[in-house]
């Protein structure tokens, strides 16, 4: 697995880092993804603090263009925090009928697969695991992006503390939400090669 950590959408003391198309950080991110593919590394996972899609409090802080680049390069899994909820998208993919994902919209043609058994190369799954301890945010079931999501947990919907356990083999990625003691929310999905 290649695990790539990036920092878009964070207001550092010197200002946010530049992840715009063609910037050094954009090119570095592209190179890290392309290098994993060239080296036949079976899984590519990107971690970043801020999500782009959310049913919670924040908008697309990670950046629309960067998010579309990750999906366009078929990154398998994007892990985020920041938003104090748990939320997992369906597998999202770019096609002729969905050339770009647009924050604030949930176009069905951008959903490559909607169940919990996914196939690698069809799209990207975004998981926000922001339920480690600080107070939860509400999730908005009527959020314009709600159609992109398979499951969610927040202050007003099945609240839970917990972590995401990700297990990898050469042919399969399995992920499951592990709730802390006393919580009942669960989620699990798999991506097969």
N, C-alpha and C. Protein backbone atom coordinates (compact mmCIF):
# COMPACT_ATOMS: atom_id res chain seq x y z
N UNK A 1 0.85 -1.17 0.00
CA UNK A 1 0.00 0.00 0.00
C UNK A 1 0.89 1.23 0.00
N UNK A 2 0.50 2.22 -0.77
CA UNK A 2 1.13 3.53 -0.68
C UNK A 2 0.16 4.44 0.05
N UNK A 3 0.62 4.99 1.17
CA UNK A 3 -0.17 5.91 1.98
C UNK A 3 0.42 7.29 1.77
N UNK A 4 -0.37 8.20 1.21
CA UNK A 4 0.09 9.54 0.86
C UNK A 4 -0.62 10.54 1.76
N UNK A 5 0.15 11.32 2.50
CA UNK A 5 -0.42 12.33 3.39
C UNK A 5 -0.23 13.71 2.79
N UNK A 6 -1.33 14.46 2.69
CA UNK A 6 -1.28 15.81 2.14
C UNK A 6 -2.03 16.76 3.07
N UNK A 7 -1.86 18.06 2.88
CA UNK A 7 -2.41 19.05 3.82
C UNK A 7 -3.17 20.19 3.16
N UNK A 8 -4.12 19.91 2.27
CA UNK A 8 -4.89 21.02 1.69
C UNK A 8 -5.92 21.55 2.68
N UNK A 9 -6.29 22.80 2.50
CA UNK A 9 -7.40 23.37 3.25
C UNK A 9 -7.12 23.68 4.71
N UNK A 10 -5.87 23.64 5.12
CA UNK A 10 -5.52 23.96 6.50
C UNK A 10 -4.91 25.35 6.53
N UNK A 11 -5.39 26.18 7.42
CA UNK A 11 -4.86 27.53 7.53
C UNK A 11 -3.66 27.53 8.49
N UNK A 12 -2.48 27.27 7.95
CA UNK A 12 -1.25 27.30 8.73
C UNK A 12 -0.89 28.74 9.07
N UNK A 13 0.04 28.97 10.03
CA UNK A 13 0.42 30.35 10.37
C UNK A 13 0.86 31.18 9.16
N UNK A 14 1.50 30.57 8.18
CA UNK A 14 1.91 31.29 6.98
C UNK A 14 0.85 31.29 5.89
N UNK A 15 -0.32 30.76 6.20
CA UNK A 15 -1.41 30.66 5.23
C UNK A 15 -1.57 29.24 4.73
N UNK A 16 -2.61 28.96 3.97
CA UNK A 16 -2.83 27.61 3.45
C UNK A 16 -1.77 27.24 2.42
N UNK A 17 -1.47 25.94 2.35
CA UNK A 17 -0.51 25.44 1.36
C UNK A 17 -1.19 25.39 -0.01
N UNK A 18 -0.39 25.58 -1.04
CA UNK A 18 -0.91 25.65 -2.41
C UNK A 18 -1.00 24.26 -3.03
N UNK A 19 -2.21 23.79 -3.24
CA UNK A 19 -2.46 22.53 -3.94
C UNK A 19 -3.21 22.79 -5.24
N UNK A 20 -3.06 23.97 -5.81
CA UNK A 20 -3.74 24.28 -7.07
C UNK A 20 -3.08 23.52 -8.21
N UNK A 21 -3.82 23.28 -9.31
CA UNK A 21 -3.25 22.54 -10.44
C UNK A 21 -1.93 23.16 -10.90
N UNK A 22 -0.93 22.29 -11.06
CA UNK A 22 0.39 22.72 -11.52
C UNK A 22 1.33 23.16 -10.42
N UNK A 23 0.83 23.36 -9.20
CA UNK A 23 1.70 23.77 -8.09
C UNK A 23 2.64 22.63 -7.71
N UNK A 24 3.68 22.95 -6.95
CA UNK A 24 4.63 21.93 -6.51
C UNK A 24 3.92 20.81 -5.75
N UNK A 25 3.01 21.15 -4.85
CA UNK A 25 2.33 20.13 -4.05
C UNK A 25 1.36 19.30 -4.90
N UNK A 26 0.73 19.93 -5.86
CA UNK A 26 -0.13 19.20 -6.80
C UNK A 26 0.71 18.18 -7.57
N UNK A 27 1.82 18.64 -8.13
CA UNK A 27 2.68 17.74 -8.91
C UNK A 27 3.25 16.62 -8.04
N UNK A 28 3.63 16.95 -6.80
CA UNK A 28 4.15 15.92 -5.89
C UNK A 28 3.08 14.86 -5.63
N UNK A 29 1.84 15.30 -5.38
CA UNK A 29 0.74 14.37 -5.11
C UNK A 29 0.48 13.48 -6.33
N UNK A 30 0.41 14.08 -7.51
CA UNK A 30 0.24 13.30 -8.74
C UNK A 30 1.36 12.28 -8.90
N UNK A 31 2.59 12.72 -8.67
CA UNK A 31 3.75 11.84 -8.82
C UNK A 31 3.71 10.67 -7.84
N UNK A 32 3.28 10.93 -6.61
CA UNK A 32 3.19 9.87 -5.61
C UNK A 32 2.14 8.83 -6.02
N UNK A 33 1.02 9.28 -6.55
CA UNK A 33 -0.03 8.36 -7.01
C UNK A 33 0.45 7.59 -8.24
N UNK A 34 0.97 8.31 -9.23
CA UNK A 34 1.45 7.67 -10.46
C UNK A 34 2.59 6.70 -10.17
N UNK A 35 3.47 7.07 -9.24
CA UNK A 35 4.58 6.20 -8.87
C UNK A 35 4.11 4.90 -8.25
N UNK A 36 3.05 4.95 -7.46
CA UNK A 36 2.50 3.73 -6.88
C UNK A 36 1.97 2.81 -7.98
N UNK A 37 1.29 3.39 -8.94
CA UNK A 37 0.77 2.58 -10.06
C UNK A 37 1.93 1.97 -10.87
N UNK A 38 2.95 2.79 -11.16
CA UNK A 38 4.09 2.31 -11.94
C UNK A 38 4.84 1.19 -11.22
N UNK A 39 4.87 1.24 -9.90
CA UNK A 39 5.57 0.23 -9.10
C UNK A 39 4.67 -0.97 -8.78
N UNK A 40 3.46 -0.99 -9.34
CA UNK A 40 2.50 -2.07 -9.11
C UNK A 40 2.14 -2.24 -7.63
N UNK A 41 2.13 -1.14 -6.91
CA UNK A 41 1.67 -1.17 -5.52
C UNK A 41 0.15 -1.33 -5.58
N UNK A 42 -0.40 -2.35 -4.93
CA UNK A 42 -1.80 -2.67 -5.16
C UNK A 42 -2.82 -1.66 -4.64
N UNK A 43 -2.49 -0.88 -3.63
CA UNK A 43 -3.48 0.03 -3.04
C UNK A 43 -2.89 1.41 -2.87
N UNK A 44 -3.69 2.43 -3.15
CA UNK A 44 -3.29 3.82 -2.93
C UNK A 44 -4.33 4.47 -2.02
N UNK A 45 -3.85 4.96 -0.88
CA UNK A 45 -4.70 5.61 0.12
C UNK A 45 -4.14 7.00 0.37
N UNK A 46 -5.00 8.00 0.35
CA UNK A 46 -4.60 9.37 0.65
C UNK A 46 -5.23 9.77 1.98
N UNK A 47 -4.42 10.38 2.83
CA UNK A 47 -4.92 10.93 4.09
C UNK A 47 -4.76 12.43 4.08
N UNK A 48 -5.79 13.13 4.50
CA UNK A 48 -5.73 14.59 4.61
C UNK A 48 -6.71 15.02 5.69
N UNK A 49 -6.47 16.16 6.27
CA UNK A 49 -7.29 16.59 7.40
C UNK A 49 -8.69 16.99 6.98
N UNK A 50 -8.82 17.77 5.93
CA UNK A 50 -10.12 18.34 5.57
C UNK A 50 -10.78 17.57 4.43
N UNK A 51 -12.08 17.26 4.57
CA UNK A 51 -12.80 16.62 3.47
C UNK A 51 -13.31 17.65 2.46
N UNK A 52 -13.75 17.16 1.33
CA UNK A 52 -14.43 18.02 0.36
C UNK A 52 -15.94 17.82 0.47
N UNK A 53 -16.36 16.57 0.60
CA UNK A 53 -17.79 16.27 0.68
C UNK A 53 -18.17 16.02 2.12
N UNK A 54 -19.31 16.56 2.55
CA UNK A 54 -19.71 16.38 3.94
C UNK A 54 -21.20 16.63 4.12
N UNK A 55 -21.77 15.87 5.03
CA UNK A 55 -23.15 16.09 5.46
C UNK A 55 -23.16 16.85 6.78
N UNK A 56 -22.01 17.32 7.20
CA UNK A 56 -21.90 18.00 8.48
C UNK A 56 -21.82 19.50 8.36
N UNK A 57 -20.86 20.06 9.04
CA UNK A 57 -20.76 21.50 9.25
C UNK A 57 -20.01 22.24 8.13
N UNK A 58 -19.01 21.60 7.53
CA UNK A 58 -18.08 22.30 6.63
C UNK A 58 -18.38 22.05 5.16
N UNK A 59 -17.92 22.98 4.33
CA UNK A 59 -17.97 22.82 2.88
C UNK A 59 -16.69 22.16 2.38
N UNK A 60 -16.40 22.30 1.12
CA UNK A 60 -15.24 21.65 0.49
C UNK A 60 -13.96 22.42 0.79
N UNK A 61 -13.36 22.13 1.92
CA UNK A 61 -12.12 22.80 2.29
C UNK A 61 -10.90 22.17 1.64
N UNK A 62 -10.99 20.92 1.21
CA UNK A 62 -9.85 20.26 0.58
C UNK A 62 -9.59 20.78 -0.83
N UNK A 63 -10.61 21.33 -1.47
CA UNK A 63 -10.45 21.86 -2.82
C UNK A 63 -11.08 20.96 -3.86
N UNK A 64 -11.94 21.54 -4.68
CA UNK A 64 -12.65 20.79 -5.71
C UNK A 64 -11.70 20.18 -6.74
N UNK A 65 -10.73 20.96 -7.21
CA UNK A 65 -9.84 20.45 -8.26
C UNK A 65 -8.96 19.32 -7.74
N UNK A 66 -8.44 19.46 -6.53
CA UNK A 66 -7.62 18.39 -5.95
C UNK A 66 -8.46 17.13 -5.75
N UNK A 67 -9.67 17.29 -5.24
CA UNK A 67 -10.56 16.14 -5.03
C UNK A 67 -10.84 15.43 -6.35
N UNK A 68 -11.11 16.17 -7.41
CA UNK A 68 -11.34 15.56 -8.71
C UNK A 68 -10.09 14.88 -9.26
N UNK A 69 -8.92 15.44 -8.97
CA UNK A 69 -7.69 14.78 -9.40
C UNK A 69 -7.55 13.42 -8.71
N UNK A 70 -7.82 13.35 -7.40
CA UNK A 70 -7.73 12.08 -6.67
C UNK A 70 -8.70 11.05 -7.24
N UNK A 71 -9.92 11.47 -7.54
CA UNK A 71 -10.91 10.56 -8.11
C UNK A 71 -10.51 10.17 -9.53
N UNK A 72 -10.04 11.13 -10.31
CA UNK A 72 -9.63 10.86 -11.68
C UNK A 72 -8.46 9.89 -11.77
N UNK A 73 -7.64 9.85 -10.75
CA UNK A 73 -6.51 8.92 -10.71
C UNK A 73 -6.86 7.62 -9.99
N UNK A 74 -8.14 7.42 -9.69
CA UNK A 74 -8.63 6.20 -9.06
C UNK A 74 -7.92 5.86 -7.75
N UNK A 75 -7.67 6.89 -6.93
CA UNK A 75 -7.19 6.60 -5.57
C UNK A 75 -8.26 5.72 -4.93
N UNK A 76 -7.83 4.66 -4.27
CA UNK A 76 -8.80 3.70 -3.72
C UNK A 76 -9.59 4.26 -2.55
N UNK A 77 -8.89 4.94 -1.64
CA UNK A 77 -9.52 5.38 -0.40
C UNK A 77 -8.91 6.71 0.02
N UNK A 78 -9.76 7.65 0.41
CA UNK A 78 -9.31 8.93 0.96
C UNK A 78 -9.86 9.02 2.38
N UNK A 79 -8.95 9.18 3.34
CA UNK A 79 -9.30 9.28 4.76
C UNK A 79 -9.15 10.72 5.22
N UNK A 80 -10.17 11.24 5.89
CA UNK A 80 -10.13 12.61 6.38
C UNK A 80 -10.62 12.66 7.83
N UNK A 81 -10.47 13.82 8.42
CA UNK A 81 -10.97 14.09 9.76
C UNK A 81 -11.69 15.43 9.72
N UNK A 82 -11.33 16.31 10.64
CA UNK A 82 -11.80 17.69 10.72
C UNK A 82 -13.28 17.80 11.05
N UNK A 83 -14.13 17.21 10.25
CA UNK A 83 -15.57 17.23 10.49
C UNK A 83 -15.85 16.21 11.59
N UNK A 84 -16.50 16.62 12.67
CA UNK A 84 -16.71 15.74 13.82
C UNK A 84 -17.93 14.85 13.63
N UNK A 85 -17.84 14.00 12.62
CA UNK A 85 -18.84 13.00 12.28
C UNK A 85 -18.10 11.80 11.70
N UNK A 86 -18.81 10.70 11.51
CA UNK A 86 -18.33 9.60 10.69
C UNK A 86 -19.22 9.61 9.46
N UNK A 87 -18.59 9.58 8.29
CA UNK A 87 -19.37 9.53 7.05
C UNK A 87 -18.53 8.84 5.99
N UNK A 88 -19.21 7.99 5.20
CA UNK A 88 -18.53 7.29 4.10
C UNK A 88 -19.33 7.48 2.83
N UNK A 89 -18.63 7.91 1.79
CA UNK A 89 -19.30 8.04 0.50
C UNK A 89 -19.45 6.68 -0.15
N UNK A 90 -20.32 6.65 -1.11
CA UNK A 90 -20.34 5.53 -2.04
C UNK A 90 -19.06 5.64 -2.86
N UNK A 91 -18.80 4.68 -3.71
CA UNK A 91 -17.62 4.76 -4.58
C UNK A 91 -17.94 5.77 -5.68
N UNK A 92 -17.15 6.84 -5.74
CA UNK A 92 -17.39 7.94 -6.68
C UNK A 92 -16.40 7.85 -7.83
N UNK A 93 -16.89 8.04 -9.05
CA UNK A 93 -16.03 7.94 -10.21
C UNK A 93 -16.36 8.99 -11.26
N UNK A 94 -15.34 9.32 -12.05
CA UNK A 94 -15.51 10.25 -13.16
C UNK A 94 -15.73 9.46 -14.44
N UNK A 95 -16.73 9.87 -15.22
CA UNK A 95 -17.08 9.21 -16.47
C UNK A 95 -17.49 10.28 -17.48
N UNK A 96 -17.86 9.86 -18.66
CA UNK A 96 -18.36 10.82 -19.66
C UNK A 96 -19.61 11.54 -19.15
N UNK A 97 -20.44 10.84 -18.38
CA UNK A 97 -21.65 11.48 -17.85
C UNK A 97 -21.41 12.20 -16.52
N UNK A 98 -20.21 12.04 -15.97
CA UNK A 98 -19.82 12.76 -14.75
C UNK A 98 -18.35 13.16 -14.89
N UNK A 99 -18.07 14.19 -15.69
CA UNK A 99 -16.67 14.56 -15.92
C UNK A 99 -16.00 15.20 -14.70
N UNK A 100 -16.79 15.78 -13.79
CA UNK A 100 -16.25 16.35 -12.55
C UNK A 100 -17.28 16.18 -11.44
N UNK A 101 -16.77 16.04 -10.22
CA UNK A 101 -17.61 16.08 -9.03
C UNK A 101 -17.71 17.53 -8.58
N UNK A 102 -18.90 17.96 -8.25
CA UNK A 102 -19.13 19.35 -7.87
C UNK A 102 -19.59 19.39 -6.41
N UNK A 103 -18.83 20.05 -5.54
CA UNK A 103 -19.29 20.17 -4.15
C UNK A 103 -20.68 20.81 -4.10
N UNK A 104 -21.49 20.29 -3.19
CA UNK A 104 -22.85 20.81 -3.06
C UNK A 104 -23.85 20.12 -3.95
N UNK A 105 -23.41 19.12 -4.72
CA UNK A 105 -24.30 18.37 -5.61
C UNK A 105 -24.09 16.88 -5.39
N UNK A 106 -25.13 16.11 -5.60
CA UNK A 106 -25.05 14.65 -5.54
C UNK A 106 -25.66 14.10 -6.82
N UNK A 107 -24.86 14.05 -7.86
CA UNK A 107 -25.35 13.54 -9.14
C UNK A 107 -25.18 12.03 -9.18
N UNK A 108 -26.27 11.33 -9.43
CA UNK A 108 -26.27 9.86 -9.43
C UNK A 108 -25.25 9.29 -10.41
N UNK A 109 -25.03 9.98 -11.54
CA UNK A 109 -24.08 9.46 -12.53
C UNK A 109 -22.64 9.50 -12.03
N UNK A 110 -22.38 10.16 -10.90
CA UNK A 110 -21.04 10.19 -10.31
C UNK A 110 -20.82 9.06 -9.31
N UNK A 111 -21.88 8.31 -9.01
CA UNK A 111 -21.77 7.17 -8.09
C UNK A 111 -21.46 5.93 -8.92
N UNK A 112 -20.24 5.42 -8.76
CA UNK A 112 -19.81 4.25 -9.52
C UNK A 112 -20.38 2.96 -8.94
N UNK A 113 -20.51 2.90 -7.62
CA UNK A 113 -21.04 1.72 -6.95
C UNK A 113 -21.62 2.15 -5.62
N UNK A 114 -22.78 1.64 -5.28
CA UNK A 114 -23.49 2.11 -4.09
C UNK A 114 -23.59 1.07 -2.98
N UNK A 115 -23.07 -0.14 -3.19
CA UNK A 115 -23.18 -1.13 -2.12
C UNK A 115 -21.89 -1.19 -1.30
N UNK A 116 -21.72 -2.24 -0.53
CA UNK A 116 -20.54 -2.35 0.34
C UNK A 116 -19.48 -3.26 -0.22
N UNK A 117 -19.70 -3.84 -1.41
CA UNK A 117 -18.73 -4.68 -2.10
C UNK A 117 -18.32 -3.96 -3.37
N UNK A 118 -17.13 -3.39 -3.35
CA UNK A 118 -16.69 -2.49 -4.42
C UNK A 118 -15.56 -3.12 -5.22
N UNK A 119 -15.34 -2.61 -6.42
CA UNK A 119 -14.29 -3.12 -7.29
C UNK A 119 -13.28 -2.01 -7.54
N UNK A 120 -12.02 -2.33 -7.35
CA UNK A 120 -10.95 -1.36 -7.55
C UNK A 120 -10.96 -0.85 -8.99
N UNK A 121 -10.65 0.44 -9.13
CA UNK A 121 -10.57 1.04 -10.45
C UNK A 121 -11.87 1.67 -10.92
N UNK A 122 -12.95 1.46 -10.17
CA UNK A 122 -14.24 2.04 -10.56
C UNK A 122 -14.47 3.40 -9.92
N UNK A 123 -13.68 3.74 -8.90
CA UNK A 123 -13.86 5.02 -8.24
C UNK A 123 -13.15 5.08 -6.91
N UNK A 124 -13.45 6.12 -6.16
CA UNK A 124 -12.80 6.43 -4.89
C UNK A 124 -13.84 6.48 -3.78
N UNK A 125 -13.46 5.96 -2.61
CA UNK A 125 -14.30 6.04 -1.42
C UNK A 125 -13.67 7.06 -0.49
N UNK A 126 -14.49 7.98 0.02
CA UNK A 126 -14.05 9.00 0.98
C UNK A 126 -14.65 8.66 2.34
N UNK A 127 -13.80 8.56 3.36
CA UNK A 127 -14.29 8.29 4.71
C UNK A 127 -13.77 9.38 5.63
N UNK A 128 -14.69 10.02 6.33
CA UNK A 128 -14.34 10.99 7.37
C UNK A 128 -14.52 10.30 8.71
N UNK A 129 -13.43 10.20 9.47
CA UNK A 129 -13.46 9.57 10.79
C UNK A 129 -13.12 10.64 11.80
N UNK A 130 -14.10 11.46 12.11
CA UNK A 130 -13.89 12.58 13.03
C UNK A 130 -14.58 12.36 14.36
N UNK A 131 -14.62 11.11 14.80
CA UNK A 131 -15.36 10.76 16.02
C UNK A 131 -14.43 10.17 17.08
N UNK A 132 -13.32 10.85 17.30
CA UNK A 132 -12.33 10.36 18.25
C UNK A 132 -12.50 10.89 19.66
N UNK A 133 -13.36 11.86 19.89
CA UNK A 133 -13.52 12.32 21.25
C UNK A 133 -14.17 13.67 21.42
N UNK A 134 -13.82 14.65 20.62
CA UNK A 134 -14.40 15.99 20.77
C UNK A 134 -15.86 15.92 20.34
N UNK A 135 -16.69 16.82 20.86
CA UNK A 135 -18.12 16.80 20.56
C UNK A 135 -18.44 16.64 19.09
N UNK A 136 -19.46 15.88 18.82
CA UNK A 136 -19.89 15.60 17.45
C UNK A 136 -20.65 16.77 16.85
N UNK A 137 -20.60 16.86 15.53
CA UNK A 137 -21.46 17.78 14.78
C UNK A 137 -22.72 17.02 14.37
N UNK A 138 -23.78 17.76 14.11
CA UNK A 138 -24.98 17.16 13.53
C UNK A 138 -24.70 16.79 12.08
N UNK A 139 -25.36 15.74 11.60
CA UNK A 139 -25.36 15.43 10.17
C UNK A 139 -26.70 15.88 9.61
N UNK A 140 -26.67 16.34 8.39
CA UNK A 140 -27.87 16.88 7.74
C UNK A 140 -28.35 15.87 6.70
N UNK A 141 -29.38 15.11 7.04
CA UNK A 141 -29.90 14.10 6.11
C UNK A 141 -30.41 14.73 4.82
N UNK A 142 -30.76 16.01 4.85
CA UNK A 142 -31.24 16.70 3.65
C UNK A 142 -30.14 17.52 2.97
N UNK A 143 -28.89 17.28 3.34
CA UNK A 143 -27.76 17.99 2.73
C UNK A 143 -27.75 17.72 1.22
N UNK A 144 -27.41 18.70 0.39
CA UNK A 144 -27.38 18.48 -1.06
C UNK A 144 -26.42 17.36 -1.49
N UNK A 145 -25.42 17.05 -0.66
CA UNK A 145 -24.47 15.98 -0.99
C UNK A 145 -24.87 14.62 -0.41
N UNK A 146 -26.01 14.55 0.29
CA UNK A 146 -26.41 13.31 0.98
C UNK A 146 -26.44 12.10 0.05
N UNK A 147 -26.81 12.28 -1.20
CA UNK A 147 -26.87 11.17 -2.14
C UNK A 147 -25.52 10.55 -2.46
N UNK A 148 -24.44 11.23 -2.11
CA UNK A 148 -23.10 10.66 -2.32
C UNK A 148 -22.72 9.69 -1.21
N UNK A 149 -23.44 9.72 -0.09
CA UNK A 149 -23.02 8.98 1.10
C UNK A 149 -23.78 7.67 1.27
N UNK A 150 -23.04 6.66 1.72
CA UNK A 150 -23.62 5.35 2.01
C UNK A 150 -24.07 5.28 3.46
N UNK A 151 -23.27 5.83 4.39
CA UNK A 151 -23.58 5.78 5.82
C UNK A 151 -23.04 7.02 6.50
N UNK A 152 -23.62 7.32 7.68
CA UNK A 152 -23.15 8.46 8.46
C UNK A 152 -23.57 8.30 9.91
N UNK A 153 -22.81 8.95 10.76
CA UNK A 153 -23.08 9.00 12.20
C UNK A 153 -22.69 10.39 12.69
N UNK A 154 -23.56 11.01 13.46
CA UNK A 154 -23.26 12.33 14.01
C UNK A 154 -24.03 12.55 15.28
N UNK A 155 -23.96 13.73 15.80
CA UNK A 155 -24.62 14.07 17.06
C UNK A 155 -26.11 13.74 17.05
N UNK A 156 -26.77 13.95 15.92
CA UNK A 156 -28.21 13.76 15.83
C UNK A 156 -28.62 12.48 15.10
N UNK A 157 -27.66 11.63 14.76
CA UNK A 157 -27.98 10.39 14.05
C UNK A 157 -27.00 9.30 14.46
N UNK A 158 -27.45 8.39 15.32
CA UNK A 158 -26.65 7.24 15.75
C UNK A 158 -25.23 7.63 16.15
N UNK A 159 -25.08 8.55 17.12
CA UNK A 159 -23.74 9.03 17.48
C UNK A 159 -22.87 7.90 18.03
N UNK A 160 -21.59 7.98 17.70
CA UNK A 160 -20.64 6.97 18.17
C UNK A 160 -19.24 7.56 18.20
N UNK A 161 -18.46 7.06 19.12
CA UNK A 161 -17.02 7.28 19.11
C UNK A 161 -16.41 6.01 18.54
N UNK A 162 -15.26 6.12 17.88
CA UNK A 162 -14.64 4.93 17.35
C UNK A 162 -13.53 5.23 16.37
N UNK A 163 -13.06 4.16 15.75
CA UNK A 163 -11.95 4.23 14.79
C UNK A 163 -12.32 3.43 13.55
N UNK A 164 -11.50 3.57 12.52
CA UNK A 164 -11.67 2.77 11.31
C UNK A 164 -10.51 1.79 11.23
N UNK A 165 -10.83 0.51 11.16
CA UNK A 165 -9.83 -0.55 11.03
C UNK A 165 -9.75 -0.92 9.55
N UNK A 166 -8.57 -0.78 8.96
CA UNK A 166 -8.38 -1.09 7.55
C UNK A 166 -7.39 -2.25 7.44
N UNK A 167 -7.79 -3.32 6.78
CA UNK A 167 -6.95 -4.50 6.57
C UNK A 167 -6.75 -4.66 5.07
N UNK A 168 -5.51 -4.96 4.68
CA UNK A 168 -5.17 -5.06 3.26
C UNK A 168 -4.50 -6.39 2.96
N UNK A 169 -4.83 -6.95 1.81
CA UNK A 169 -4.05 -8.02 1.20
C UNK A 169 -3.75 -7.55 -0.22
N UNK A 170 -3.05 -8.34 -0.97
CA UNK A 170 -2.74 -7.95 -2.35
C UNK A 170 -4.01 -7.84 -3.20
N UNK A 171 -5.08 -8.53 -2.79
CA UNK A 171 -6.28 -8.55 -3.62
C UNK A 171 -7.52 -7.93 -2.99
N UNK A 172 -7.41 -7.46 -1.73
CA UNK A 172 -8.63 -6.98 -1.07
C UNK A 172 -8.29 -5.94 0.00
N UNK A 173 -9.14 -4.91 0.07
CA UNK A 173 -9.09 -3.92 1.14
C UNK A 173 -10.40 -4.04 1.91
N UNK A 174 -10.30 -4.32 3.20
CA UNK A 174 -11.47 -4.40 4.07
C UNK A 174 -11.38 -3.29 5.10
N UNK A 175 -12.47 -2.57 5.30
CA UNK A 175 -12.50 -1.51 6.30
C UNK A 175 -13.76 -1.67 7.13
N UNK A 176 -13.62 -1.45 8.44
CA UNK A 176 -14.79 -1.51 9.30
C UNK A 176 -14.65 -0.50 10.42
N UNK A 177 -15.76 0.14 10.73
CA UNK A 177 -15.80 1.06 11.85
C UNK A 177 -15.86 0.24 13.13
N UNK A 178 -14.97 0.56 14.06
CA UNK A 178 -14.93 -0.12 15.35
C UNK A 178 -15.42 0.86 16.41
N UNK A 179 -16.65 0.67 16.89
CA UNK A 179 -17.17 1.61 17.87
C UNK A 179 -16.52 1.42 19.24
N UNK A 180 -16.40 2.51 19.96
CA UNK A 180 -15.93 2.44 21.34
C UNK A 180 -17.00 1.76 22.18
N UNK A 181 -16.61 1.29 23.36
CA UNK A 181 -17.54 0.59 24.25
C UNK A 181 -18.79 1.44 24.50
N UNK A 182 -19.93 0.79 24.38
CA UNK A 182 -21.20 1.45 24.65
C UNK A 182 -21.89 2.05 23.43
N UNK A 183 -21.23 2.03 22.28
CA UNK A 183 -21.82 2.58 21.05
C UNK A 183 -22.18 1.45 20.10
N UNK A 184 -23.23 1.63 19.31
CA UNK A 184 -23.72 0.54 18.46
C UNK A 184 -23.57 0.80 16.96
N UNK A 185 -23.23 2.01 16.55
CA UNK A 185 -23.09 2.31 15.12
C UNK A 185 -22.01 1.42 14.50
N UNK A 186 -22.28 0.87 13.32
CA UNK A 186 -21.30 0.06 12.61
C UNK A 186 -21.29 0.44 11.13
N UNK A 187 -20.18 0.11 10.49
CA UNK A 187 -20.04 0.26 9.05
C UNK A 187 -18.94 -0.67 8.61
N UNK A 188 -19.07 -1.24 7.44
CA UNK A 188 -18.02 -2.08 6.86
C UNK A 188 -18.16 -2.06 5.35
N UNK A 189 -17.01 -2.09 4.67
CA UNK A 189 -17.02 -2.17 3.21
C UNK A 189 -15.74 -2.85 2.76
N UNK A 190 -15.76 -3.33 1.53
CA UNK A 190 -14.60 -4.00 0.95
C UNK A 190 -14.41 -3.52 -0.48
N UNK A 191 -13.15 -3.46 -0.88
CA UNK A 191 -12.80 -3.17 -2.28
C UNK A 191 -11.95 -4.34 -2.75
N UNK A 192 -12.34 -4.94 -3.87
CA UNK A 192 -11.59 -6.08 -4.41
C UNK A 192 -10.91 -5.70 -5.70
N UNK A 193 -9.75 -6.33 -5.93
CA UNK A 193 -9.00 -6.09 -7.17
C UNK A 193 -9.47 -7.05 -8.23
